[in-house]
Amino acid sequence: MSFWGHLEELRGHLIRSALAIVSGAIVAFLAKDFIFNTIILAPKETYFFTNRLFCHISRELSLPALCINAKPLQLINIDMAGQFTTHIFTSLIAGLIIAVPYVIWEIWRFIKPGLEPREKENAGGAVLVTSFLFLTGVIFAYFLIVPLSVNFLGNYQVSTLVENQVALRSYIRLVTTITLATGVVFELPIFVYFLSKAGLLTPEFMKKNRKLAYVLIITLSAIITPPDVFSQIMVGIPLIFLYEISIGICKRVTRRLEEKLA
């Protein structure tokens, strides 16, 4: 294909991906009660699984500080169109998450014709693995990081004279930002795979700069989580684990490239 032919092909994939996201958003918009009451707003309630688990552990260990969200966070709306615009925004985010496997599949369909037969065979599960890593990151953030963040930020006070009245839009922004950012960050092995295929990354480089990578991981954890150490550690541990896995992926890809050149 010519350059413009590739652009035309890409346009078709992007349009189909956008339609999938919009379709998912429409479904989420119509399922308002389920999306908000059962999913989005649940992490701030005492009955949420993570909150009940931490409070149970706190009673068993006699450590009251471990009990989180014992008092549900009260949300307010001060904008006339605030709840409606929040509904639309949340539906689009939900549509994106729902459509992620299909969007990744469309991206794979675009790049697949440019691969060699052996590369197609080796990357046969790319769509499944990429979707799995993203959704794992989203679920991890939703069940662990979000409740911890809501508890820390919702109860933090500079003075007892100042009462927290959290806006609905602020809460939604916190939940969506943390879940999406964690989902993207969990794609680290995929990024390493393609950088290794391009010859831009080697296992020796990753091993040599392991300490620097750990510092960057902790910094990234601090960016996508609230400023409490516990949440940062909870995000940092799986990222360090994924980094070590990525070293093995890089080593395998590099070895295959060397065998091909030989």
C-alpha atoms as a PDB file:
ATOM      1  CA  MET A   1       0.000   0.000   0.000  1.00  0.00           C
ATOM      2  CA  SER A   2       0.954   3.623  -0.477  1.00  0.00           C
ATOM      3  CA  PHE A   3       1.144   6.011   2.456  1.00  0.00           C
ATOM      4  CA  TRP A   4      -2.370   7.291   1.729  1.00  0.00           C
ATOM      5  CA  GLY A   5      -3.587   3.712   1.406  1.00  0.00           C
ATOM      6  CA  HIS A   6      -2.340   2.979   4.919  1.00  0.00           C
ATOM      7  CA  LEU A   7      -4.058   6.125   6.207  1.00  0.00           C
ATOM      8  CA  GLU A   8      -7.313   5.059   4.581  1.00  0.00           C
ATOM      9  CA  GLU A   9      -7.016   1.629   6.166  1.00  0.00           C
ATOM     10  CA  LEU A  10      -6.247   3.202   9.555  1.00  0.00           C
ATOM     11  CA  ARG A  11      -9.265   5.486   9.232  1.00  0.00           C
ATOM     12  CA  GLY A  12     -11.549   2.482   8.891  1.00  0.00           C
ATOM     13  CA  HIS A  13     -10.130   0.875  12.036  1.00  0.00           C
ATOM     14  CA  LEU A  14     -10.436   4.130  13.997  1.00  0.00           C
ATOM     15  CA  ILE A  15     -14.040   4.641  12.910  1.00  0.00           C
ATOM     16  CA  ARG A  16     -15.017   1.112  13.933  1.00  0.00           C
ATOM     17  CA  SER A  17     -13.223   1.559  17.257  1.00  0.00           C
ATOM     18  CA  ALA A  18     -15.041   4.843  17.875  1.00  0.00           C
ATOM     19  CA  LEU A  19     -18.382   3.207  17.061  1.00  0.00           C
ATOM     20  CA  ALA A  20     -17.623   0.418  19.541  1.00  0.00           C
ATOM     21  CA  ILE A  21     -16.825   2.974  22.270  1.00  0.00           C
ATOM     22  CA  VAL A  22     -19.994   4.960  21.520  1.00  0.00           C
ATOM     23  CA  SER A  23     -22.071   1.761  21.562  1.00  0.00           C
ATOM     24  CA  GLY A  24     -20.615   0.829  24.941  1.00  0.00           C
ATOM     25  CA  ALA A  25     -21.267   4.377  26.181  1.00  0.00           C
ATOM     26  CA  ILE A  26     -24.924   4.169  25.115  1.00  0.00           C
ATOM     27  CA  VAL A  27     -25.348   0.889  26.991  1.00  0.00           C
ATOM     28  CA  ALA A  28     -23.703   2.422  30.066  1.00  0.00           C
ATOM     29  CA  PHE A  29     -25.866   5.555  29.771  1.00  0.00           C
ATOM     30  CA  LEU A  30     -29.052   3.480  29.741  1.00  0.00           C
ATOM     31  CA  ALA A  31     -27.836   1.357  32.672  1.00  0.00           C
ATOM     32  CA  LYS A  32     -27.449   4.442  34.880  1.00  0.00           C
ATOM     33  CA  ASP A  33     -28.539   2.856  38.174  1.00  0.00           C
ATOM     34  CA  PHE A  34     -26.216  -0.112  37.777  1.00  0.00           C
ATOM     35  CA  ILE A  35     -23.226   1.950  36.626  1.00  0.00           C
ATOM     36  CA  PHE A  36     -23.493   4.512  39.422  1.00  0.00           C
ATOM     37  CA  ASN A  37     -25.076   2.733  42.397  1.00  0.00           C
ATOM     38  CA  THR A  38     -23.458  -0.671  41.919  1.00  0.00           C
ATOM     39  CA  ILE A  39     -20.072   0.282  40.430  1.00  0.00           C
ATOM     40  CA  ILE A  40     -18.976   3.927  40.545  1.00  0.00           C
ATOM     41  CA  LEU A  41     -20.328   4.955  43.948  1.00  0.00           C
ATOM     42  CA  ALA A  42     -19.858   1.592  45.690  1.00  0.00           C
ATOM     43  CA  PRO A  43     -16.188   2.045  46.796  1.00  0.00           C
ATOM     44  CA  LYS A  44     -17.185   4.864  49.173  1.00  0.00           C
ATOM     45  CA  GLU A  45     -19.842   2.768  50.938  1.00  0.00           C
ATOM     46  CA  THR A  46     -19.271   0.626  54.027  1.00  0.00           C
ATOM     47  CA  TYR A  47     -20.718  -2.482  52.342  1.00  0.00           C
ATOM     48  CA  PHE A  48     -18.069  -2.474  49.577  1.00  0.00           C
ATOM     49  CA  PHE A  49     -15.963  -5.660  49.628  1.00  0.00           C
ATOM     50  CA  THR A  50     -12.597  -3.960  50.215  1.00  0.00           C
ATOM     51  CA  ASN A  51     -13.952  -1.732  52.983  1.00  0.00           C
ATOM     52  CA  ARG A  52     -15.514  -4.696  54.794  1.00  0.00           C
ATOM     53  CA  LEU A  53     -12.285  -6.706  54.409  1.00  0.00           C
ATOM     54  CA  PHE A  54     -10.076  -3.963  55.849  1.00  0.00           C
ATOM     55  CA  CYS A  55     -12.474  -3.329  58.741  1.00  0.00           C
ATOM     56  CA  HIS A  56     -12.568  -7.065  59.496  1.00  0.00           C
ATOM     57  CA  ILE A  57      -8.756  -7.199  59.534  1.00  0.00           C
ATOM     58  CA  SER A  58      -8.661  -4.121  61.784  1.00  0.00           C
ATOM     59  CA  ARG A  59     -10.949  -5.831  64.315  1.00  0.00           C
ATOM     60  CA  GLU A  60      -8.929  -9.054  64.224  1.00  0.00           C
ATOM     61  CA  LEU A  61      -5.634  -7.208  64.755  1.00  0.00           C
ATOM     62  CA  SER A  62      -7.095  -4.539  67.083  1.00  0.00           C
ATOM     63  CA  LEU A  63      -5.860  -1.805  64.736  1.00  0.00           C
ATOM     64  CA  PRO A  64      -8.731   0.675  64.227  1.00  0.00           C
ATOM     65  CA  ALA A  65      -6.673   2.701  61.739  1.00  0.00           C
ATOM     66  CA  LEU A  66      -6.963  -0.116  59.178  1.00  0.00           C
ATOM     67  CA  CYS A  67     -10.739   0.211  58.955  1.00  0.00           C
ATOM     68  CA  ILE A  68     -11.510   2.358  55.902  1.00  0.00           C
ATOM     69  CA  ASN A  69     -14.668   4.167  54.816  1.00  0.00           C
ATOM     70  CA  ALA A  70     -16.502   3.209  58.011  1.00  0.00           C
ATOM     71  CA  LYS A  71     -18.511   6.380  57.457  1.00  0.00           C
ATOM     72  CA  PRO A  72     -19.772   6.740  53.849  1.00  0.00           C
ATOM     73  CA  LEU A  73     -18.485   9.768  51.984  1.00  0.00           C
ATOM     74  CA  GLN A  74     -21.278  12.252  51.259  1.00  0.00           C
ATOM     75  CA  LEU A  75     -21.262  13.732  47.757  1.00  0.00           C
ATOM     76  CA  ILE A  76     -22.870  16.984  46.653  1.00  0.00           C
ATOM     77  CA  ASN A  77     -23.665  18.627  43.325  1.00  0.00           C
ATOM     78  CA  ILE A  78     -23.538  22.413  43.021  1.00  0.00           C
ATOM     79  CA  ASP A  79     -23.844  22.743  39.244  1.00  0.00           C
ATOM     80  CA  MET A  80     -27.272  22.853  37.582  1.00  0.00           C
ATOM     81  CA  ALA A  81     -26.158  20.532  34.770  1.00  0.00           C
ATOM     82  CA  GLY A  82     -23.545  18.790  36.898  1.00  0.00           C
ATOM     83  CA  GLN A  83     -25.268  15.438  37.289  1.00  0.00           C
ATOM     84  CA  PHE A  84     -26.226  15.250  33.615  1.00  0.00           C
ATOM     85  CA  THR A  85     -22.741  16.089  32.313  1.00  0.00           C
ATOM     86  CA  THR A  86     -21.227  13.696  34.842  1.00  0.00           C
ATOM     87  CA  HIS A  87     -23.592  11.012  33.574  1.00  0.00           C
ATOM     88  CA  ILE A  88     -22.410  11.549  29.992  1.00  0.00           C
ATOM     89  CA  PHE A  89     -18.717  11.669  30.948  1.00  0.00           C
ATOM     90  CA  THR A  90     -18.970   8.518  33.054  1.00  0.00           C
ATOM     91  CA  SER A  91     -20.827   6.707  30.260  1.00  0.00           C
ATOM     92  CA  LEU A  92     -18.026   7.533  27.791  1.00  0.00           C
ATOM     93  CA  ILE A  93     -15.377   6.223  30.187  1.00  0.00           C
ATOM     94  CA  ALA A  94     -17.417   3.065  30.787  1.00  0.00           C
ATOM     95  CA  GLY A  95     -17.851   2.674  27.016  1.00  0.00           C
ATOM     96  CA  LEU A  96     -14.085   2.946  26.545  1.00  0.00           C
ATOM     97  CA  ILE A  97     -13.399   0.265  29.161  1.00  0.00           C
ATOM     98  CA  ILE A  98     -16.067  -2.024  27.698  1.00  0.00           C
ATOM     99  CA  ALA A  99     -14.699  -1.590  24.168  1.00  0.00           C
ATOM    100  CA  VAL A 100     -10.994  -1.954  25.031  1.00  0.00           C
ATOM    101  CA  PRO A 101     -10.699  -5.597  23.819  1.00  0.00           C
ATOM    102  CA  TYR A 102     -12.341  -4.692  20.509  1.00  0.00           C
ATOM    103  CA  VAL A 103     -10.218  -1.539  20.072  1.00  0.00           C
ATOM    104  CA  ILE A 104      -7.052  -3.544  20.707  1.00  0.00           C
ATOM    105  CA  TRP A 105      -8.255  -6.127  18.193  1.00  0.00           C
ATOM    106  CA  GLU A 106      -8.745  -3.390  15.573  1.00  0.00           C
ATOM    107  CA  ILE A 107      -5.215  -2.098  16.231  1.00  0.00           C
ATOM    108  CA  TRP A 108      -3.923  -5.653  15.862  1.00  0.00           C
ATOM    109  CA  ARG A 109      -5.765  -6.054  12.547  1.00  0.00           C
ATOM    110  CA  PHE A 110      -4.043  -2.899  11.287  1.00  0.00           C
ATOM    111  CA  ILE A 111      -0.476  -3.936  12.150  1.00  0.00           C
ATOM    112  CA  LYS A 112      -0.841  -7.698  11.482  1.00  0.00           C
ATOM    113  CA  PRO A 113      -0.395  -7.527   7.652  1.00  0.00           C
ATOM    114  CA  GLY A 114       3.025  -5.923   8.155  1.00  0.00           C
ATOM    115  CA  LEU A 115       4.364  -8.804  10.242  1.00  0.00           C
ATOM    116  CA  GLU A 116       6.257 -11.843   9.037  1.00  0.00           C
ATOM    117  CA  PRO A 117       4.587 -15.281   9.379  1.00  0.00           C
ATOM    118  CA  ARG A 118       6.750 -16.212  12.383  1.00  0.00           C
ATOM    119  CA  GLU A 119       5.999 -12.889  14.066  1.00  0.00           C
ATOM    120  CA  LYS A 120       2.264 -13.411  13.540  1.00  0.00           C
ATOM    121  CA  GLU A 121       2.543 -16.841  15.105  1.00  0.00           C
ATOM    122  CA  ASN A 122       4.506 -15.588  18.126  1.00  0.00           C
ATOM    123  CA  ALA A 123       2.158 -12.637  18.680  1.00  0.00           C
ATOM    124  CA  GLY A 124      -1.022 -14.653  18.208  1.00  0.00           C
ATOM    125  CA  GLY A 125      -2.208 -13.973  21.767  1.00  0.00           C
ATOM    126  CA  ALA A 126      -1.304 -10.281  21.746  1.00  0.00           C
ATOM    127  CA  VAL A 127      -4.921  -9.089  21.799  1.00  0.00           C
ATOM    128  CA  LEU A 128      -5.829 -11.387  24.682  1.00  0.00           C
ATOM    129  CA  VAL A 129      -2.731 -10.525  26.743  1.00  0.00           C
ATOM    130  CA  THR A 130      -3.038  -6.769  26.155  1.00  0.00           C
ATOM    131  CA  SER A 131      -6.732  -6.766  27.072  1.00  0.00           C
ATOM    132  CA  PHE A 132      -6.059  -8.941  30.115  1.00  0.00           C
ATOM    133  CA  LEU A 133      -3.305  -6.641  31.435  1.00  0.00           C
ATOM    134  CA  PHE A 134      -5.424  -3.501  30.979  1.00  0.00           C
ATOM    135  CA  LEU A 135      -8.523  -4.978  32.617  1.00  0.00           C
ATOM    136  CA  THR A 136      -6.384  -6.429  35.429  1.00  0.00           C
ATOM    137  CA  GLY A 137      -5.021  -2.952  36.119  1.00  0.00           C
ATOM    138  CA  VAL A 138      -8.531  -1.464  36.111  1.00  0.00           C
ATOM    139  CA  ILE A 139      -9.871  -4.131  38.491  1.00  0.00           C
ATOM    140  CA  PHE A 140      -6.822  -3.819  40.755  1.00  0.00           C
ATOM    141  CA  ALA A 141      -7.276  -0.056  40.984  1.00  0.00           C
ATOM    142  CA  TYR A 142     -11.035  -0.284  41.493  1.00  0.00           C
ATOM    143  CA  PHE A 143     -10.945  -2.802  44.346  1.00  0.00           C
ATOM    144  CA  LEU A 144      -7.831  -1.563  46.140  1.00  0.00           C
ATOM    145  CA  ILE A 145      -6.508   1.862  45.156  1.00  0.00           C
ATOM    146  CA  VAL A 146      -9.865   3.652  44.785  1.00  0.00           C
ATOM    147  CA  PRO A 147     -11.230   2.733  48.263  1.00  0.00           C
ATOM    148  CA  LEU A 148      -7.919   3.680  49.879  1.00  0.00           C
ATOM    149  CA  SER A 149      -7.851   6.964  47.973  1.00  0.00           C
ATOM    150  CA  VAL A 150     -11.447   7.814  48.877  1.00  0.00           C
ATOM    151  CA  ASN A 151     -10.753   7.070  52.537  1.00  0.00           C
ATOM    152  CA  PHE A 152      -7.563   9.128  52.668  1.00  0.00           C
ATOM    153  CA  LEU A 153      -8.669  12.165  50.676  1.00  0.00           C
ATOM    154  CA  GLY A 154     -12.263  12.135  51.913  1.00  0.00           C
ATOM    155  CA  ASN A 155     -11.242  12.188  55.570  1.00  0.00           C
ATOM    156  CA  TYR A 156      -8.119  14.344  55.388  1.00  0.00           C
ATOM    157  CA  GLN A 157      -8.488  17.685  57.170  1.00  0.00           C
ATOM    158  CA  VAL A 158      -6.123  20.587  57.633  1.00  0.00           C
ATOM    159  CA  SER A 159      -8.314  21.686  60.553  1.00  0.00           C
ATOM    160  CA  THR A 160     -11.387  20.406  62.383  1.00  0.00           C
ATOM    161  CA  LEU A 161     -12.957  23.773  61.562  1.00  0.00           C
ATOM    162  CA  VAL A 162     -13.045  22.828  57.856  1.00  0.00           C
ATOM    163  CA  GLU A 163     -15.634  20.261  56.785  1.00  0.00           C
ATOM    164  CA  ASN A 164     -15.181  18.169  53.630  1.00  0.00           C
ATOM    165  CA  GLN A 165     -18.018  18.510  51.139  1.00  0.00           C
ATOM    166  CA  VAL A 166     -16.901  16.569  48.097  1.00  0.00           C
ATOM    167  CA  ALA A 167     -18.388  17.421  44.707  1.00  0.00           C
ATOM    168  CA  LEU A 168     -19.715  14.569  42.589  1.00  0.00           C
ATOM    169  CA  ARG A 169     -17.552  15.600  39.635  1.00  0.00           C
ATOM    170  CA  SER A 170     -14.425  15.550  41.808  1.00  0.00           C
ATOM    171  CA  TYR A 171     -15.197  12.027  43.022  1.00  0.00           C
ATOM    172  CA  ILE A 172     -15.861  10.743  39.479  1.00  0.00           C
ATOM    173  CA  ARG A 173     -12.628  12.339  38.244  1.00  0.00           C
ATOM    174  CA  LEU A 174     -10.671  10.597  41.004  1.00  0.00           C
ATOM    175  CA  VAL A 175     -12.158   7.168  40.264  1.00  0.00           C
ATOM    176  CA  THR A 176     -11.774   7.368  36.474  1.00  0.00           C
ATOM    177  CA  THR A 177      -8.258   8.822  36.560  1.00  0.00           C
ATOM    178  CA  ILE A 178      -6.920   6.175  38.933  1.00  0.00           C
ATOM    179  CA  THR A 179      -8.539   3.215  37.162  1.00  0.00           C
ATOM    180  CA  LEU A 180      -7.579   4.262  33.625  1.00  0.00           C
ATOM    181  CA  ALA A 181      -4.025   5.288  34.592  1.00  0.00           C
ATOM    182  CA  THR A 182      -3.434   1.994  36.398  1.00  0.00           C
ATOM    183  CA  GLY A 183      -4.842   0.050  33.441  1.00  0.00           C
ATOM    184  CA  VAL A 184      -2.409   1.784  31.070  1.00  0.00           C
ATOM    185  CA  VAL A 185       0.555   1.356  33.417  1.00  0.00           C
ATOM    186  CA  PHE A 186      -0.128  -2.385  33.657  1.00  0.00           C
ATOM    187  CA  GLU A 187       0.638  -2.571  29.914  1.00  0.00           C
ATOM    188  CA  LEU A 188       4.353  -2.274  30.757  1.00  0.00           C
ATOM    189  CA  PRO A 189       5.252  -5.772  29.431  1.00  0.00           C
ATOM    190  CA  ILE A 190       3.598  -4.932  26.095  1.00  0.00           C
ATOM    191  CA  PHE A 191       5.589  -1.708  25.762  1.00  0.00           C
ATOM    192  CA  VAL A 192       8.794  -3.581  26.596  1.00  0.00           C
ATOM    193  CA  TYR A 193       7.981  -6.259  24.018  1.00  0.00           C
ATOM    194  CA  PHE A 194       7.636  -3.789  21.143  1.00  0.00           C
ATOM    195  CA  LEU A 195      10.665  -1.734  22.216  1.00  0.00           C
ATOM    196  CA  SER A 196      12.688  -4.948  22.317  1.00  0.00           C
ATOM    197  CA  LYS A 197      11.401  -5.957  18.875  1.00  0.00           C
ATOM    198  CA  ALA A 198      12.549  -2.584  17.558  1.00  0.00           C
ATOM    199  CA  GLY A 199      16.001  -3.111  19.083  1.00  0.00           C
ATOM    200  CA  LEU A 200      15.620  -0.086  21.353  1.00  0.00           C
ATOM    201  CA  LEU A 201      15.725  -2.052  24.607  1.00  0.00           C
ATOM    202  CA  THR A 202      17.972  -4.849  25.828  1.00  0.00           C
ATOM    203  CA  PRO A 203      17.821  -7.036  28.975  1.00  0.00           C
ATOM    204  CA  GLU A 204      21.298  -5.838  29.962  1.00  0.00           C
ATOM    205  CA  PHE A 205      20.080  -2.230  29.906  1.00  0.00           C
ATOM    206  CA  MET A 206      17.021  -3.092  32.008  1.00  0.00           C
ATOM    207  CA  LYS A 207      19.101  -4.989  34.560  1.00  0.00           C
ATOM    208  CA  LYS A 208      21.759  -2.271  34.745  1.00  0.00           C
ATOM    209  CA  ASN A 209      19.149   0.421  35.349  1.00  0.00           C
ATOM    210  CA  ARG A 210      16.925  -1.633  37.671  1.00  0.00           C
ATOM    211  CA  LYS A 211      17.397   0.738  40.626  1.00  0.00           C
ATOM    212  CA  LEU A 212      16.556   3.755  38.483  1.00  0.00           C
ATOM    213  CA  ALA A 213      13.500   1.926  37.159  1.00  0.00           C
ATOM    214  CA  TYR A 214      12.324   1.234  40.713  1.00  0.00           C
ATOM    215  CA  VAL A 215      12.647   4.932  41.554  1.00  0.00           C
ATOM    216  CA  LEU A 216      10.621   5.827  38.439  1.00  0.00           C
ATOM    217  CA  ILE A 217       7.994   3.228  39.381  1.00  0.00           C
ATOM    218  CA  ILE A 218       7.628   4.680  42.869  1.00  0.00           C
ATOM    219  CA  THR A 219       7.406   8.172  41.355  1.00  0.00           C
ATOM    220  CA  LEU A 220       4.749   7.015  38.911  1.00  0.00           C
ATOM    221  CA  SER A 221       2.857   5.345  41.760  1.00  0.00           C
ATOM    222  CA  ALA A 222       2.899   8.643  43.639  1.00  0.00           C
ATOM    223  CA  ILE A 223       1.464  10.441  40.594  1.00  0.00           C
ATOM    224  CA  ILE A 224      -1.503   8.136  39.988  1.00  0.00           C
ATOM    225  CA  THR A 225      -2.370   7.628  43.672  1.00  0.00           C
ATOM    226  CA  PRO A 226      -3.153  10.018  46.535  1.00  0.00           C
ATOM    227  CA  PRO A 227      -0.204  11.143  48.677  1.00  0.00           C
ATOM    228  CA  ASP A 228      -0.353   8.342  51.235  1.00  0.00           C
ATOM    229  CA  VAL A 229       2.463   5.826  51.434  1.00  0.00           C
ATOM    230  CA  PHE A 230       0.237   2.738  51.689  1.00  0.00           C
ATOM    231  CA  SER A 231      -1.510   3.358  48.355  1.00  0.00           C
ATOM    232  CA  GLN A 232       1.811   4.060  46.643  1.00  0.00           C
ATOM    233  CA  ILE A 233       3.223   0.767  47.919  1.00  0.00           C
ATOM    234  CA  MET A 234       0.113  -1.115  46.760  1.00  0.00           C
ATOM    235  CA  VAL A 235       0.626   0.218  43.221  1.00  0.00           C
ATOM    236  CA  GLY A 236       4.424  -0.024  43.271  1.00  0.00           C
ATOM    237  CA  ILE A 237       4.613  -3.732  44.202  1.00  0.00           C
ATOM    238  CA  PRO A 238       2.742  -5.098  41.138  1.00  0.00           C
ATOM    239  CA  LEU A 239       4.590  -2.651  38.867  1.00  0.00           C
ATOM    240  CA  ILE A 240       7.947  -3.886  40.149  1.00  0.00           C
ATOM    241  CA  PHE A 241       6.720  -7.447  39.576  1.00  0.00           C
ATOM    242  CA  LEU A 242       5.706  -6.533  36.005  1.00  0.00           C
ATOM    243  CA  TYR A 243       9.118  -4.915  35.447  1.00  0.00           C
ATOM    244  CA  GLU A 244      10.876  -8.139  36.416  1.00  0.00           C
ATOM    245  CA  ILE A 245       8.589 -10.071  34.063  1.00  0.00           C
ATOM    246  CA  SER A 246       9.390  -7.532  31.353  1.00  0.00           C
ATOM    247  CA  ILE A 247      13.103  -8.271  31.719  1.00  0.00           C
ATOM    248  CA  GLY A 248      12.365 -11.913  30.911  1.00  0.00           C
ATOM    249  CA  ILE A 249      10.250 -10.865  27.908  1.00  0.00           C
ATOM    250  CA  CYS A 250      13.027  -8.581  26.671  1.00  0.00           C
ATOM    251  CA  LYS A 251      15.588 -11.356  27.072  1.00  0.00           C
ATOM    252  CA  ARG A 252      13.452 -13.775  25.066  1.00  0.00           C
ATOM    253  CA  VAL A 253      12.778 -11.291  22.254  1.00  0.00           C
ATOM    254  CA  THR A 254      16.446 -10.284  22.054  1.00  0.00           C
ATOM    255  CA  ARG A 255      17.556 -13.920  21.898  1.00  0.00           C
ATOM    256  CA  ARG A 256      15.186 -14.595  19.004  1.00  0.00           C
ATOM    257  CA  LEU A 257      16.442 -11.535  17.146  1.00  0.00           C
ATOM    258  CA  GLU A 258      20.034 -12.714  17.573  1.00  0.00           C
ATOM    259  CA  GLU A 259      19.125 -16.202  16.329  1.00  0.00           C
ATOM    260  CA  LYS A 260      17.415 -14.680  13.290  1.00  0.00           C
ATOM    261  CA  LEU A 261      20.468 -12.548  12.484  1.00  0.00           C
ATOM    262  CA  ALA A 262      22.762 -15.560  12.929  1.00  0.00           C
END
